[in-house]
Amino acid sequence: MTKLQDIPVRMIDGRETRLSEHAGKALLIVNTASKCGLTPQYEGLEALYRTYRDRGFEVLGFPSNDFRGQEPGTDAEIADFCQSIYAVDFPMFAKMVVAGPDKHPLYAALIEAQPAAVSTSGGAMRARLESHGIAVNPAPEVQWNFEKFVVAPDGSVTTRFAPDTLPADPAILAAIEEQLPR
């Protein structure tokens, strides 16, 4: 298996990089979308970033248009939206595929490392989507926008949270605090 930190990714401004740029930090990797009912989570993600960034933590946002076309914009439009509406200061990456056969190698590695998501709502997100006639990806695929992966400073994926688990949820806070560099 490829080390998570060795996987090439592209920043939202087009710069090529690798997650090794964030080595030694606790990370929260999130697939995002601008036109989703969960989009207001940007506010909570930015609050997490501001709370913990001085302690070796980063939120990494990966926009995706995989779920009902809820991220239709270009990378420049997404960057402008995130900055102007939510004052996002955490690193944002280029739009990528996070589910299905064409998923980016980063998401393939995240899913392989943590095939099951913790749902603090008892699976309500899946039931809510299905009640609206929305076909939900089968496990272990990413279910929807704003699924969250906690990554330890050594690059190991420690926890995965369902999309409707809010950034300020005590389970997410505990998972982050457990991984902060000592």
Protein backbone atom coordinates (compact mmCIF):
# COMPACT_ATOMS: atom_id res chain seq x y z
CA MET A 1 0.00 0.00 0.00
CA THR A 2 1.20 3.50 -0.85
CA LYS A 3 1.99 5.69 2.12
CA LEU A 4 -0.68 8.34 2.46
CA GLN A 5 1.92 11.08 2.68
CA ASP A 6 3.49 10.04 -0.65
CA ILE A 7 0.31 10.44 -2.71
CA PRO A 8 0.48 13.40 -5.10
CA VAL A 9 -2.31 15.95 -4.81
CA ARG A 10 -2.92 19.40 -6.27
CA MET A 11 -3.67 22.53 -4.27
CA ILE A 12 -6.70 24.58 -5.29
CA ASP A 13 -4.33 27.12 -6.88
CA GLY A 14 -2.91 24.39 -9.14
CA ARG A 15 0.36 23.78 -7.28
CA GLU A 16 1.37 20.12 -7.20
CA THR A 17 2.22 18.78 -3.75
CA ARG A 18 2.06 15.72 -1.50
CA LEU A 19 0.55 15.22 1.93
CA SER A 20 4.13 14.88 3.22
CA GLU A 21 4.03 18.69 3.29
CA HIS A 22 1.80 18.19 6.36
CA ALA A 23 3.85 15.37 7.95
CA GLY A 24 4.10 15.50 11.71
CA LYS A 25 0.69 17.14 12.08
CA ALA A 26 -2.70 15.73 13.00
CA LEU A 27 -5.04 16.12 10.04
CA LEU A 28 -8.76 16.16 9.38
CA ILE A 29 -9.31 15.34 5.71
CA VAL A 30 -12.77 16.32 4.45
CA ASN A 31 -14.47 16.07 1.05
CA THR A 32 -16.38 19.32 0.60
CA ALA A 33 -19.08 20.87 -1.60
CA SER A 34 -20.44 24.40 -1.98
CA LYS A 35 -24.07 23.59 -2.79
CA CYS A 36 -24.88 20.94 -0.19
CA GLY A 37 -27.12 21.05 2.84
CA LEU A 38 -23.97 20.31 4.85
CA THR A 39 -21.97 23.23 3.38
CA PRO A 40 -22.35 25.29 6.59
CA GLN A 41 -19.91 22.78 8.13
CA TYR A 42 -17.19 24.97 6.57
CA GLU A 43 -17.76 27.31 9.50
CA GLY A 44 -17.17 24.54 12.04
CA LEU A 45 -14.16 23.21 10.13
CA GLU A 46 -12.59 26.67 10.12
CA ALA A 47 -13.28 26.98 13.87
CA LEU A 48 -11.51 23.63 14.45
CA TYR A 49 -8.58 24.78 12.38
CA ARG A 50 -8.27 28.07 14.28
CA THR A 51 -8.58 26.27 17.64
CA TYR A 52 -5.95 23.60 17.02
CA ARG A 53 -3.60 24.85 14.28
CA ASP A 54 -1.04 26.20 16.75
CA ARG A 55 -0.90 22.73 18.29
CA GLY A 56 0.07 20.91 15.08
CA PHE A 57 -3.31 20.36 13.41
CA GLU A 58 -4.66 21.08 9.96
CA VAL A 59 -7.96 20.66 8.17
CA LEU A 60 -7.47 19.68 4.53
CA GLY A 61 -10.44 20.32 2.25
CA PHE A 62 -10.94 18.30 -0.93
CA PRO A 63 -13.86 19.57 -3.03
CA SER A 64 -15.77 16.89 -4.92
CA ASN A 65 -18.65 16.95 -7.36
CA ASP A 66 -19.50 13.27 -6.82
CA PHE A 67 -22.77 13.72 -4.97
CA ARG A 68 -25.62 15.09 -7.08
CA GLY A 69 -23.43 17.75 -8.69
CA GLN A 70 -23.15 19.77 -5.48
CA GLU A 71 -19.68 21.15 -6.33
CA PRO A 72 -20.11 22.35 -9.93
CA GLY A 73 -17.63 25.25 -9.86
CA THR A 74 -14.07 25.54 -11.05
CA ASP A 75 -11.24 25.46 -8.52
CA ALA A 76 -11.04 29.28 -8.71
CA GLU A 77 -14.79 29.60 -8.06
CA ILE A 78 -14.59 27.16 -5.15
CA ALA A 79 -11.65 29.05 -3.62
CA ASP A 80 -13.53 32.34 -3.96
CA PHE A 81 -16.68 30.85 -2.40
CA CYS A 82 -14.78 29.36 0.55
CA GLN A 83 -12.94 32.61 1.23
CA SER A 84 -15.77 35.08 0.69
CA ILE A 85 -18.59 33.16 2.41
CA TYR A 86 -16.79 31.19 5.15
CA ALA A 87 -13.37 32.92 5.44
CA VAL A 88 -11.70 29.51 5.01
CA ASP A 89 -8.03 29.73 5.89
CA PHE A 90 -7.25 26.01 6.03
CA PRO A 91 -5.61 24.37 2.99
CA MET A 92 -7.98 23.62 0.10
CA PHE A 93 -7.12 21.28 -2.73
CA ALA A 94 -8.22 20.89 -6.33
CA LYS A 95 -11.55 19.24 -6.97
CA MET A 96 -11.22 15.45 -7.16
CA VAL A 97 -13.23 12.25 -7.41
CA VAL A 98 -13.66 10.66 -3.96
CA ALA A 99 -16.02 7.74 -4.71
CA GLY A 100 -16.47 5.05 -7.32
CA PRO A 101 -14.06 3.32 -9.66
CA ASP A 102 -12.28 6.55 -10.67
CA LYS A 103 -11.65 7.79 -7.12
CA HIS A 104 -8.38 9.58 -6.48
CA PRO A 105 -5.63 7.39 -4.95
CA LEU A 106 -5.82 9.51 -1.77
CA TYR A 107 -9.42 8.49 -1.18
CA ALA A 108 -8.71 4.89 -2.14
CA ALA A 109 -6.02 4.83 0.58
CA LEU A 110 -8.21 6.59 3.17
CA ILE A 111 -11.08 4.16 2.59
CA GLU A 112 -8.79 1.14 2.65
CA ALA A 113 -7.31 2.31 5.96
CA GLN A 114 -10.72 3.08 7.55
CA PRO A 115 -13.53 1.22 5.74
CA ALA A 116 -16.24 2.11 8.28
CA ALA A 117 -17.39 5.57 9.34
CA VAL A 118 -18.41 6.39 12.89
CA SER A 119 -21.90 7.87 12.92
CA THR A 120 -22.78 9.83 16.02
CA SER A 121 -26.34 10.13 14.66
CA GLY A 122 -26.92 6.38 14.51
CA GLY A 123 -26.87 6.28 10.71
CA ALA A 124 -29.46 9.03 10.29
CA MET A 125 -27.65 10.51 7.28
CA ARG A 126 -27.98 7.35 5.20
CA ALA A 127 -31.65 6.97 6.18
CA ARG A 128 -32.36 10.64 5.41
CA LEU A 129 -30.77 10.41 1.96
CA GLU A 130 -32.59 7.18 1.15
CA SER A 131 -35.92 8.67 2.30
CA HIS A 132 -35.46 11.31 -0.42
CA GLY A 133 -34.90 8.61 -3.05
CA ILE A 134 -31.16 9.21 -3.20
CA ALA A 135 -29.09 6.11 -3.89
CA VAL A 136 -26.33 6.05 -1.30
CA ASN A 137 -22.95 4.51 -2.03
CA PRO A 138 -22.54 1.11 -0.41
CA ALA A 139 -19.92 0.79 2.33
CA PRO A 140 -17.00 1.25 2.34
CA GLU A 141 -17.38 4.06 -0.24
CA VAL A 142 -17.64 7.68 0.89
CA GLN A 143 -21.31 8.21 1.62
CA TRP A 144 -21.72 11.94 0.90
CA ASN A 145 -20.08 15.36 1.11
CA PHE A 146 -18.28 16.24 4.35
CA GLU A 147 -17.14 12.77 5.38
CA LYS A 148 -14.16 13.21 7.68
CA PHE A 149 -10.94 11.22 8.18
CA VAL A 150 -8.63 11.83 11.13
CA VAL A 151 -4.97 11.22 10.30
CA ALA A 152 -2.22 10.90 12.91
CA PRO A 153 1.09 12.77 12.60
CA ASP A 154 2.73 9.56 11.33
CA GLY A 155 0.25 9.39 8.41
CA SER A 156 -1.92 6.59 9.77
CA VAL A 157 -5.69 7.00 9.39
CA THR A 158 -7.18 6.62 12.85
CA THR A 159 -10.88 7.43 12.57
CA ARG A 160 -13.55 8.15 9.97
CA PHE A 161 -16.73 10.11 10.64
CA ALA A 162 -20.04 10.14 8.77
CA PRO A 163 -20.92 13.35 6.88
CA ASP A 164 -23.55 14.48 9.40
CA THR A 165 -21.11 14.33 12.31
CA LEU A 166 -20.55 18.02 12.92
CA PRO A 167 -17.02 19.39 13.31
CA ALA A 168 -17.73 20.40 16.94
CA ASP A 169 -19.03 16.93 17.87
CA PRO A 170 -17.28 15.68 21.03
CA ALA A 171 -16.24 12.49 19.21
CA ILE A 172 -14.37 14.49 16.57
CA LEU A 173 -12.81 16.76 19.16
CA ALA A 174 -11.61 13.74 21.15
CA ALA A 175 -10.21 12.05 18.02
CA ILE A 176 -8.30 15.21 17.07
CA GLU A 177 -6.98 15.85 20.57
CA GLU A 178 -5.77 12.25 20.80
CA GLN A 179 -3.66 12.77 17.65
CA LEU A 180 -2.21 16.20 18.35
CA PRO A 181 1.60 16.08 18.40
CA ARG A 182 3.00 15.87 21.92
